[in-house]
Amino acid sequence: MEALKDKDLYNSIIQHRSTFTKLQEVDYTTHLPDRIDFVPPDPILNKYEKDYKRMQESMIYGDSLPFKDLINQITALRTRFRNVKF
């Protein structure tokens, strides 16, 4: 969250990623705080839930959040990002 306090730092991180470790399917112009969205879209949310359950069974040791709670926390984090004004 430190980068969100510094517009230049935030933009340099996006620029670095898009230049040196670019993923072809990622549109880096949507990574501005007011447009970023890392919440899975509704049409494929069930696929994420199934994958998360498999992870809970074989990769996550100890307690883990129920999927709905995890999505709620991710949604809250997205809201924090979107409230940042540069």
PDB file of N, CA and C in Angstrom:
ATOM      1  N   MET A   1       0.819  -1.194   0.000  1.00  0.00           N
ATOM      2  CA  MET A   1       0.000   0.000   0.000  1.00  0.00           C
ATOM      3  C   MET A   1       0.866   1.263   0.000  1.00  0.00           C
ATOM      4  N   GLU A   2       2.155   1.102   0.276  1.00  0.00           N
ATOM      5  CA  GLU A   2       3.046   2.260   0.288  1.00  0.00           C
ATOM      6  C   GLU A   2       3.085   2.947  -1.076  1.00  0.00           C
ATOM      7  N   ALA A   3       3.077   2.153  -2.149  1.00  0.00           N
ATOM      8  CA  ALA A   3       3.128   2.735  -3.497  1.00  0.00           C
ATOM      9  C   ALA A   3       1.894   3.564  -3.799  1.00  0.00           C
ATOM     10  N   LEU A   4       0.790   3.272  -3.146  1.00  0.00           N
ATOM     11  CA  LEU A   4      -0.432   4.040  -3.392  1.00  0.00           C
ATOM     12  C   LEU A   4      -0.351   5.455  -2.826  1.00  0.00           C
ATOM     13  N   LYS A   5       0.604   5.684  -1.953  1.00  0.00           N
ATOM     14  CA  LYS A   5       0.784   7.018  -1.382  1.00  0.00           C
ATOM     15  C   LYS A   5       1.661   7.898  -2.272  1.00  0.00           C
ATOM     16  N   ASP A   6       2.291   7.276  -3.261  1.00  0.00           N
ATOM     17  CA  ASP A   6       3.253   7.981  -4.103  1.00  0.00           C
ATOM     18  C   ASP A   6       2.934   7.701  -5.573  1.00  0.00           C
ATOM     19  N   LYS A   7       2.324   8.659  -6.232  1.00  0.00           N
ATOM     20  CA  LYS A   7       1.889   8.483  -7.624  1.00  0.00           C
ATOM     21  C   LYS A   7       3.049   8.087  -8.535  1.00  0.00           C
ATOM     22  N   ASP A   8       4.186   8.734  -8.382  1.00  0.00           N
ATOM     23  CA  ASP A   8       5.329   8.428  -9.248  1.00  0.00           C
ATOM     24  C   ASP A   8       5.830   7.005  -9.031  1.00  0.00           C
ATOM     25  N   LEU A   9       5.902   6.582  -7.783  1.00  0.00           N
ATOM     26  CA  LEU A   9       6.325   5.214  -7.484  1.00  0.00           C
ATOM     27  C   LEU A   9       5.338   4.218  -8.079  1.00  0.00           C
ATOM     28  N   TYR A  10       4.059   4.456  -7.881  1.00  0.00           N
ATOM     29  CA  TYR A  10       3.025   3.562  -8.401  1.00  0.00           C
ATOM     30  C   TYR A  10       3.146   3.439  -9.923  1.00  0.00           C
ATOM     31  N   ASN A  11       3.248   4.572 -10.598  1.00  0.00           N
ATOM     32  CA  ASN A  11       3.353   4.553 -12.059  1.00  0.00           C
ATOM     33  C   ASN A  11       4.639   3.885 -12.531  1.00  0.00           C
ATOM     34  N   SER A  12       5.720   4.062 -11.786  1.00  0.00           N
ATOM     35  CA  SER A  12       6.975   3.417 -12.187  1.00  0.00           C
ATOM     36  C   SER A  12       6.888   1.901 -12.029  1.00  0.00           C
ATOM     37  N   ILE A  13       6.159   1.429 -11.044  1.00  0.00           N
ATOM     38  CA  ILE A  13       5.959  -0.013 -10.874  1.00  0.00           C
ATOM     39  C   ILE A  13       5.173  -0.574 -12.057  1.00  0.00           C
ATOM     40  N   ILE A  14       4.110   0.114 -12.443  1.00  0.00           N
ATOM     41  CA  ILE A  14       3.318  -0.329 -13.598  1.00  0.00           C
ATOM     42  C   ILE A  14       4.173  -0.303 -14.866  1.00  0.00           C
ATOM     43  N   GLN A  15       4.932   0.765 -15.051  1.00  0.00           N
ATOM     44  CA  GLN A  15       5.789   0.879 -16.237  1.00  0.00           C
ATOM     45  C   GLN A  15       6.825  -0.237 -16.267  1.00  0.00           C
ATOM     46  N   HIS A  16       7.447  -0.505 -15.131  1.00  0.00           N
ATOM     47  CA  HIS A  16       8.453  -1.568 -15.054  1.00  0.00           C
ATOM     48  C   HIS A  16       7.832  -2.908 -15.419  1.00  0.00           C
ATOM     49  N   ARG A  17       6.697  -3.185 -14.841  1.00  0.00           N
ATOM     50  CA  ARG A  17       6.019  -4.459 -15.112  1.00  0.00           C
ATOM     51  C   ARG A  17       5.667  -4.578 -16.598  1.00  0.00           C
ATOM     52  N   SER A  18       5.120  -3.536 -17.174  1.00  0.00           N
ATOM     53  CA  SER A  18       4.696  -3.604 -18.572  1.00  0.00           C
ATOM     54  C   SER A  18       5.884  -3.659 -19.540  1.00  0.00           C
ATOM     55  N   THR A  19       7.053  -3.242 -19.084  1.00  0.00           N
ATOM     56  CA  THR A  19       8.237  -3.256 -19.939  1.00  0.00           C
ATOM     57  C   THR A  19       9.061  -4.532 -19.775  1.00  0.00           C
ATOM     58  N   PHE A  20       9.306  -4.934 -18.532  1.00  0.00           N
ATOM     59  CA  PHE A  20      10.257  -6.011 -18.281  1.00  0.00           C
ATOM     60  C   PHE A  20       9.634  -7.373 -17.995  1.00  0.00           C
ATOM     61  N   THR A  21       8.434  -7.401 -17.483  1.00  0.00           N
ATOM     62  CA  THR A  21       7.802  -8.691 -17.158  1.00  0.00           C
ATOM     63  C   THR A  21       6.372  -8.726 -17.680  1.00  0.00           C
ATOM     64  N   LYS A  22       6.192  -8.197 -18.848  1.00  0.00           N
ATOM     65  CA  LYS A  22       4.859  -8.043 -19.439  1.00  0.00           C
ATOM     66  C   LYS A  22       4.202  -9.395 -19.719  1.00  0.00           C
ATOM     67  N   LEU A  23       2.929  -9.464 -19.383  1.00  0.00           N
ATOM     68  CA  LEU A  23       2.081 -10.586 -19.762  1.00  0.00           C
ATOM     69  C   LEU A  23       1.207 -10.105 -20.911  1.00  0.00           C
ATOM     70  N   GLN A  24       1.185 -10.830 -22.002  1.00  0.00           N
ATOM     71  CA  GLN A  24       0.485 -10.386 -23.208  1.00  0.00           C
ATOM     72  C   GLN A  24      -1.000 -10.124 -22.983  1.00  0.00           C
ATOM     73  N   GLU A  25      -1.637 -10.919 -22.147  1.00  0.00           N
ATOM     74  CA  GLU A  25      -3.085 -10.794 -21.957  1.00  0.00           C
ATOM     75  C   GLU A  25      -3.482  -9.719 -20.945  1.00  0.00           C
ATOM     76  N   VAL A  26      -2.514  -9.034 -20.381  1.00  0.00           N
ATOM     77  CA  VAL A  26      -2.797  -8.020 -19.365  1.00  0.00           C
ATOM     78  C   VAL A  26      -2.770  -6.628 -19.991  1.00  0.00           C
ATOM     79  N   ASP A  27      -3.819  -5.869 -19.736  1.00  0.00           N
ATOM     80  CA  ASP A  27      -3.889  -4.478 -20.181  1.00  0.00           C
ATOM     81  C   ASP A  27      -3.435  -3.598 -19.017  1.00  0.00           C
ATOM     82  N   TYR A  28      -2.211  -3.149 -19.064  1.00  0.00           N
ATOM     83  CA  TYR A  28      -1.636  -2.398 -17.949  1.00  0.00           C
ATOM     84  C   TYR A  28      -2.245  -1.008 -17.790  1.00  0.00           C
ATOM     85  N   THR A  29      -2.976  -0.534 -18.795  1.00  0.00           N
ATOM     86  CA  THR A  29      -3.641   0.761 -18.654  1.00  0.00           C
ATOM     87  C   THR A  29      -4.792   0.695 -17.662  1.00  0.00           C
ATOM     88  N   THR A  30      -5.236  -0.505 -17.331  1.00  0.00           N
ATOM     89  CA  THR A  30      -6.327  -0.649 -16.357  1.00  0.00           C
ATOM     90  C   THR A  30      -5.805  -0.770 -14.933  1.00  0.00           C
ATOM     91  N   HIS A  31      -4.530  -0.606 -14.737  1.00  0.00           N
ATOM     92  CA  HIS A  31      -3.954  -0.756 -13.401  1.00  0.00           C
ATOM     93  C   HIS A  31      -3.910   0.541 -12.608  1.00  0.00           C
ATOM     94  N   LEU A  32      -4.535   1.563 -13.123  1.00  0.00           N
ATOM     95  CA  LEU A  32      -4.658   2.792 -12.342  1.00  0.00           C
ATOM     96  C   LEU A  32      -5.610   2.533 -11.180  1.00  0.00           C
ATOM     97  N   PRO A  33      -5.372   3.155 -10.038  1.00  0.00           N
ATOM     98  CA  PRO A  33      -6.176   2.848  -8.852  1.00  0.00           C
ATOM     99  C   PRO A  33      -7.687   2.924  -9.061  1.00  0.00           C
ATOM    100  N   ASP A  34      -8.145   3.874  -9.856  1.00  0.00           N
ATOM    101  CA  ASP A  34      -9.597   4.017 -10.012  1.00  0.00           C
ATOM    102  C   ASP A  34     -10.198   3.020 -10.998  1.00  0.00           C
ATOM    103  N   ARG A  35      -9.354   2.219 -11.655  1.00  0.00           N
ATOM    104  CA  ARG A  35      -9.859   1.239 -12.623  1.00  0.00           C
ATOM    105  C   ARG A  35      -9.415  -0.183 -12.342  1.00  0.00           C
ATOM    106  N   ILE A  36      -8.483  -0.361 -11.443  1.00  0.00           N
ATOM    107  CA  ILE A  36      -7.955  -1.698 -11.195  1.00  0.00           C
ATOM    108  C   ILE A  36      -9.064  -2.617 -10.679  1.00  0.00           C
ATOM    109  N   ASP A  37      -9.008  -3.861 -11.099  1.00  0.00           N
ATOM    110  CA  ASP A  37     -10.028  -4.814 -10.644  1.00  0.00           C
ATOM    111  C   ASP A  37      -9.426  -6.203 -10.573  1.00  0.00           C
ATOM    112  N   PHE A  38      -9.182  -6.671  -9.379  1.00  0.00           N
ATOM    113  CA  PHE A  38      -8.639  -8.008  -9.193  1.00  0.00           C
ATOM    114  C   PHE A  38      -9.661  -8.947  -8.572  1.00  0.00           C
ATOM    115  N   VAL A  39     -10.926  -8.539  -8.565  1.00  0.00           N
ATOM    116  CA  VAL A  39     -12.014  -9.407  -8.112  1.00  0.00           C
ATOM    117  C   VAL A  39     -12.439 -10.252  -9.309  1.00  0.00           C
ATOM    118  N   PRO A  40     -12.501 -11.565  -9.147  1.00  0.00           N
ATOM    119  CA  PRO A  40     -12.912 -12.402 -10.277  1.00  0.00           C
ATOM    120  C   PRO A  40     -14.311 -12.018 -10.767  1.00  0.00           C
ATOM    121  N   PRO A  41     -14.507 -11.969 -12.078  1.00  0.00           N
ATOM    122  CA  PRO A  41     -15.823 -11.616 -12.618  1.00  0.00           C
ATOM    123  C   PRO A  41     -16.864 -12.695 -12.319  1.00  0.00           C
ATOM    124  N   ASP A  42     -18.097 -12.275 -12.145  1.00  0.00           N
ATOM    125  CA  ASP A  42     -19.184 -13.192 -11.792  1.00  0.00           C
ATOM    126  C   ASP A  42     -19.286 -14.426 -12.687  1.00  0.00           C
ATOM    127  N   PRO A  43     -19.158 -14.300 -14.011  1.00  0.00           N
ATOM    128  CA  PRO A  43     -19.334 -15.491 -14.854  1.00  0.00           C
ATOM    129  C   PRO A  43     -18.346 -16.625 -14.572  1.00  0.00           C
ATOM    130  N   ILE A  44     -17.189 -16.307 -13.991  1.00  0.00           N
ATOM    131  CA  ILE A  44     -16.220 -17.369 -13.705  1.00  0.00           C
ATOM    132  C   ILE A  44     -15.906 -17.505 -12.218  1.00  0.00           C
ATOM    133  N   LEU A  45     -16.672 -16.850 -11.393  1.00  0.00           N
ATOM    134  CA  LEU A  45     -16.435 -16.894  -9.950  1.00  0.00           C
ATOM    135  C   LEU A  45     -16.485 -18.323  -9.419  1.00  0.00           C
ATOM    136  N   ASN A  46     -17.398 -19.130  -9.940  1.00  0.00           N
ATOM    137  CA  ASN A  46     -17.506 -20.512  -9.463  1.00  0.00           C
ATOM    138  C   ASN A  46     -16.242 -21.314  -9.773  1.00  0.00           C
ATOM    139  N   LYS A  47     -15.560 -21.011 -10.869  1.00  0.00           N
ATOM    140  CA  LYS A  47     -14.305 -21.697 -11.187  1.00  0.00           C
ATOM    141  C   LYS A  47     -13.225 -21.332 -10.165  1.00  0.00           C
ATOM    142  N   TYR A  48     -13.182 -20.085  -9.790  1.00  0.00           N
ATOM    143  CA  TYR A  48     -12.242 -19.651  -8.754  1.00  0.00           C
ATOM    144  C   TYR A  48     -12.552 -20.342  -7.425  1.00  0.00           C
ATOM    145  N   GLU A  49     -13.826 -20.455  -7.115  1.00  0.00           N
ATOM    146  CA  GLU A  49     -14.218 -21.104  -5.862  1.00  0.00           C
ATOM    147  C   GLU A  49     -13.789 -22.568  -5.850  1.00  0.00           C
ATOM    148  N   LYS A  50     -14.000 -23.277  -6.939  1.00  0.00           N
ATOM    149  CA  LYS A  50     -13.588 -24.682  -7.021  1.00  0.00           C
ATOM    150  C   LYS A  50     -12.078 -24.805  -6.884  1.00  0.00           C
ATOM    151  N   ASP A  51     -11.350 -23.933  -7.540  1.00  0.00           N
ATOM    152  CA  ASP A  51      -9.900 -23.952  -7.458  1.00  0.00           C
ATOM    153  C   ASP A  51      -9.434 -23.658  -6.035  1.00  0.00           C
ATOM    154  N   TYR A  52     -10.069 -22.698  -5.394  1.00  0.00           N
ATOM    155  CA  TYR A  52      -9.713 -22.353  -4.016  1.00  0.00           C
ATOM    156  C   TYR A  52      -9.961 -23.537  -3.082  1.00  0.00           C
ATOM    157  N   LYS A  53     -11.058 -24.245  -3.287  1.00  0.00           N
ATOM    158  CA  LYS A  53     -11.341 -25.417  -2.445  1.00  0.00           C
ATOM    159  C   LYS A  53     -10.266 -26.484  -2.625  1.00  0.00           C
ATOM    160  N   ARG A  54      -9.806 -26.690  -3.855  1.00  0.00           N
ATOM    161  CA  ARG A  54      -8.717 -27.645  -4.091  1.00  0.00           C
ATOM    162  C   ARG A  54      -7.444 -27.174  -3.396  1.00  0.00           C
ATOM    163  N   MET A  55      -7.194 -25.890  -3.443  1.00  0.00           N
ATOM    164  CA  MET A  55      -6.018 -25.348  -2.756  1.00  0.00           C
ATOM    165  C   MET A  55      -6.130 -25.553  -1.251  1.00  0.00           C
ATOM    166  N   GLN A  56      -7.319 -25.346  -0.701  1.00  0.00           N
ATOM    167  CA  GLN A  56      -7.512 -25.543   0.737  1.00  0.00           C
ATOM    168  C   GLN A  56      -7.227 -26.991   1.128  1.00  0.00           C
ATOM    169  N   GLU A  57      -7.596 -27.910   0.255  1.00  0.00           N
ATOM    170  CA  GLU A  57      -7.419 -29.332   0.554  1.00  0.00           C
ATOM    171  C   GLU A  57      -5.966 -29.785   0.462  1.00  0.00           C
ATOM    172  N   SER A  58      -5.194 -29.189  -0.428  1.00  0.00           N
ATOM    173  CA  SER A  58      -3.864 -29.735  -0.668  1.00  0.00           C
ATOM    174  C   SER A  58      -2.701 -28.751  -0.529  1.00  0.00           C
ATOM    175  N   MET A  59      -2.988 -27.467  -0.455  1.00  0.00           N
ATOM    176  CA  MET A  59      -1.883 -26.506  -0.457  1.00  0.00           C
ATOM    177  C   MET A  59      -1.895 -25.533   0.716  1.00  0.00           C
ATOM    178  N   ILE A  60      -3.047 -25.305   1.294  1.00  0.00           N
ATOM    179  CA  ILE A  60      -3.158 -24.342   2.390  1.00  0.00           C
ATOM    180  C   ILE A  60      -3.266 -25.131   3.689  1.00  0.00           C
ATOM    181  N   TYR A  61      -2.284 -24.973   4.533  1.00  0.00           N
ATOM    182  CA  TYR A  61      -2.268 -25.705   5.798  1.00  0.00           C
ATOM    183  C   TYR A  61      -2.843 -24.839   6.902  1.00  0.00           C
ATOM    184  N   GLY A  62      -3.575 -25.456   7.789  1.00  0.00           N
ATOM    185  CA  GLY A  62      -4.182 -24.711   8.881  1.00  0.00           C
ATOM    186  C   GLY A  62      -5.467 -24.044   8.439  1.00  0.00           C
ATOM    187  N   ASP A  63      -5.859 -23.045   9.193  1.00  0.00           N
ATOM    188  CA  ASP A  63      -7.116 -22.353   8.910  1.00  0.00           C
ATOM    189  C   ASP A  63      -7.001 -21.498   7.651  1.00  0.00           C
ATOM    190  N   SER A  64      -8.102 -21.426   6.942  1.00  0.00           N
ATOM    191  CA  SER A  64      -8.183 -20.531   5.785  1.00  0.00           C
ATOM    192  C   SER A  64      -9.592 -19.960   5.728  1.00  0.00           C
ATOM    193  N   LEU A  65      -9.692 -18.821   5.112  1.00  0.00           N
ATOM    194  CA  LEU A  65     -10.991 -18.155   5.017  1.00  0.00           C
ATOM    195  C   LEU A  65     -11.944 -18.930   4.121  1.00  0.00           C
ATOM    196  N   PRO A  66     -13.222 -18.917   4.459  1.00  0.00           N
ATOM    197  CA  PRO A  66     -14.206 -19.406   3.492  1.00  0.00           C
ATOM    198  C   PRO A  66     -14.122 -18.535   2.234  1.00  0.00           C
ATOM    199  N   PHE A  67     -14.436 -19.113   1.090  1.00  0.00           N
ATOM    200  CA  PHE A  67     -14.294 -18.405  -0.179  1.00  0.00           C
ATOM    201  C   PHE A  67     -15.037 -17.076  -0.180  1.00  0.00           C
ATOM    202  N   LYS A  68     -16.257 -17.067   0.318  1.00  0.00           N
ATOM    203  CA  LYS A  68     -17.050 -15.832   0.321  1.00  0.00           C
ATOM    204  C   LYS A  68     -16.346 -14.737   1.125  1.00  0.00           C
ATOM    205  N   ASP A  69     -15.776 -15.095   2.264  1.00  0.00           N
ATOM    206  CA  ASP A  69     -15.051 -14.116   3.079  1.00  0.00           C
ATOM    207  C   ASP A  69     -13.797 -13.610   2.355  1.00  0.00           C
ATOM    208  N   LEU A  70     -13.119 -14.517   1.662  1.00  0.00           N
ATOM    209  CA  LEU A  70     -11.943 -14.122   0.889  1.00  0.00           C
ATOM    210  C   LEU A  70     -12.325 -13.108  -0.192  1.00  0.00           C
ATOM    211  N   ILE A  71     -13.391 -13.382  -0.920  1.00  0.00           N
ATOM    212  CA  ILE A  71     -13.855 -12.462  -1.961  1.00  0.00           C
ATOM    213  C   ILE A  71     -14.267 -11.128  -1.341  1.00  0.00           C
ATOM    214  N   ASN A  72     -14.909 -11.167  -0.182  1.00  0.00           N
ATOM    215  CA  ASN A  72     -15.288  -9.916   0.490  1.00  0.00           C
ATOM    216  C   ASN A  72     -14.056  -9.086   0.842  1.00  0.00           C
ATOM    217  N   GLN A  73     -12.991  -9.739   1.296  1.00  0.00           N
ATOM    218  CA  GLN A  73     -11.771  -9.005   1.634  1.00  0.00           C
ATOM    219  C   GLN A  73     -11.086  -8.449   0.383  1.00  0.00           C
ATOM    220  N   ILE A  74     -11.087  -9.230  -0.685  1.00  0.00           N
ATOM    221  CA  ILE A  74     -10.511  -8.751  -1.946  1.00  0.00           C
ATOM    222  C   ILE A  74     -11.312  -7.561  -2.469  1.00  0.00           C
ATOM    223  N   THR A  75     -12.625  -7.633  -2.346  1.00  0.00           N
ATOM    224  CA  THR A  75     -13.491  -6.532  -2.780  1.00  0.00           C
ATOM    225  C   THR A  75     -13.220  -5.277  -1.951  1.00  0.00           C
ATOM    226  N   ALA A  76     -13.027  -5.455  -0.649  1.00  0.00           N
ATOM    227  CA  ALA A  76     -12.712  -4.317   0.221  1.00  0.00           C
ATOM    228  C   ALA A  76     -11.364  -3.700  -0.168  1.00  0.00           C
ATOM    229  N   LEU A  77     -10.396  -4.539  -0.504  1.00  0.00           N
ATOM    230  CA  LEU A  77      -9.097  -4.033  -0.938  1.00  0.00           C
ATOM    231  C   LEU A  77      -9.230  -3.255  -2.246  1.00  0.00           C
ATOM    232  N   ARG A  78     -10.032  -3.771  -3.176  1.00  0.00           N
ATOM    233  CA  ARG A  78     -10.270  -3.051  -4.433  1.00  0.00           C
ATOM    234  C   ARG A  78     -10.876  -1.673  -4.150  1.00  0.00           C
ATOM    235  N   THR A  79     -11.790  -1.611  -3.201  1.00  0.00           N
ATOM    236  CA  THR A  79     -12.405  -0.330  -2.833  1.00  0.00           C
ATOM    237  C   THR A  79     -11.350   0.637  -2.314  1.00  0.00           C
ATOM    238  N   ARG A  80     -10.424   0.138  -1.503  1.00  0.00           N
ATOM    239  CA  ARG A  80      -9.344   0.992  -1.001  1.00  0.00           C
ATOM    240  C   ARG A  80      -8.502   1.529  -2.155  1.00  0.00           C
ATOM    241  N   PHE A  81      -8.183   0.662  -3.108  1.00  0.00           N
ATOM    242  CA  PHE A  81      -7.433   1.108  -4.287  1.00  0.00           C
ATOM    243  C   PHE A  81      -8.202   2.181  -5.035  1.00  0.00           C
ATOM    244  N   ARG A  82      -9.471   1.930  -5.276  1.00  0.00           N
ATOM    245  CA  ARG A  82     -10.270   2.840  -6.100  1.00  0.00           C
ATOM    246  C   ARG A  82     -10.526   4.184  -5.425  1.00  0.00           C
ATOM    247  N   ASN A  83     -10.366   4.242  -4.133  1.00  0.00           N
ATOM    248  CA  ASN A  83     -10.547   5.505  -3.417  1.00  0.00           C
ATOM    249  C   ASN A  83      -9.292   6.369  -3.415  1.00  0.00           C
ATOM    250  N   VAL A  84      -8.189   5.843  -3.914  1.00  0.00           N
ATOM    251  CA  VAL A  84      -6.947   6.609  -3.998  1.00  0.00           C
ATOM    252  C   VAL A  84      -7.091   7.654  -5.095  1.00  0.00           C
ATOM    253  N   LYS A  85      -6.744   8.859  -4.769  1.00  0.00           N
ATOM    254  CA  LYS A  85      -6.774   9.955  -5.739  1.00  0.00           C
ATOM    255  C   LYS A  85      -5.363  10.497  -5.890  1.00  0.00           C
ATOM    256  N   PHE A  86      -4.841  10.411  -7.084  1.00  0.00           N
ATOM    257  CA  PHE A  86      -3.498  10.955  -7.353  1.00  0.00           C
ATOM    258  C   PHE A  86      -3.608  12.405  -7.721  1.00  0.00           C
TER     259      PHE A  86
END
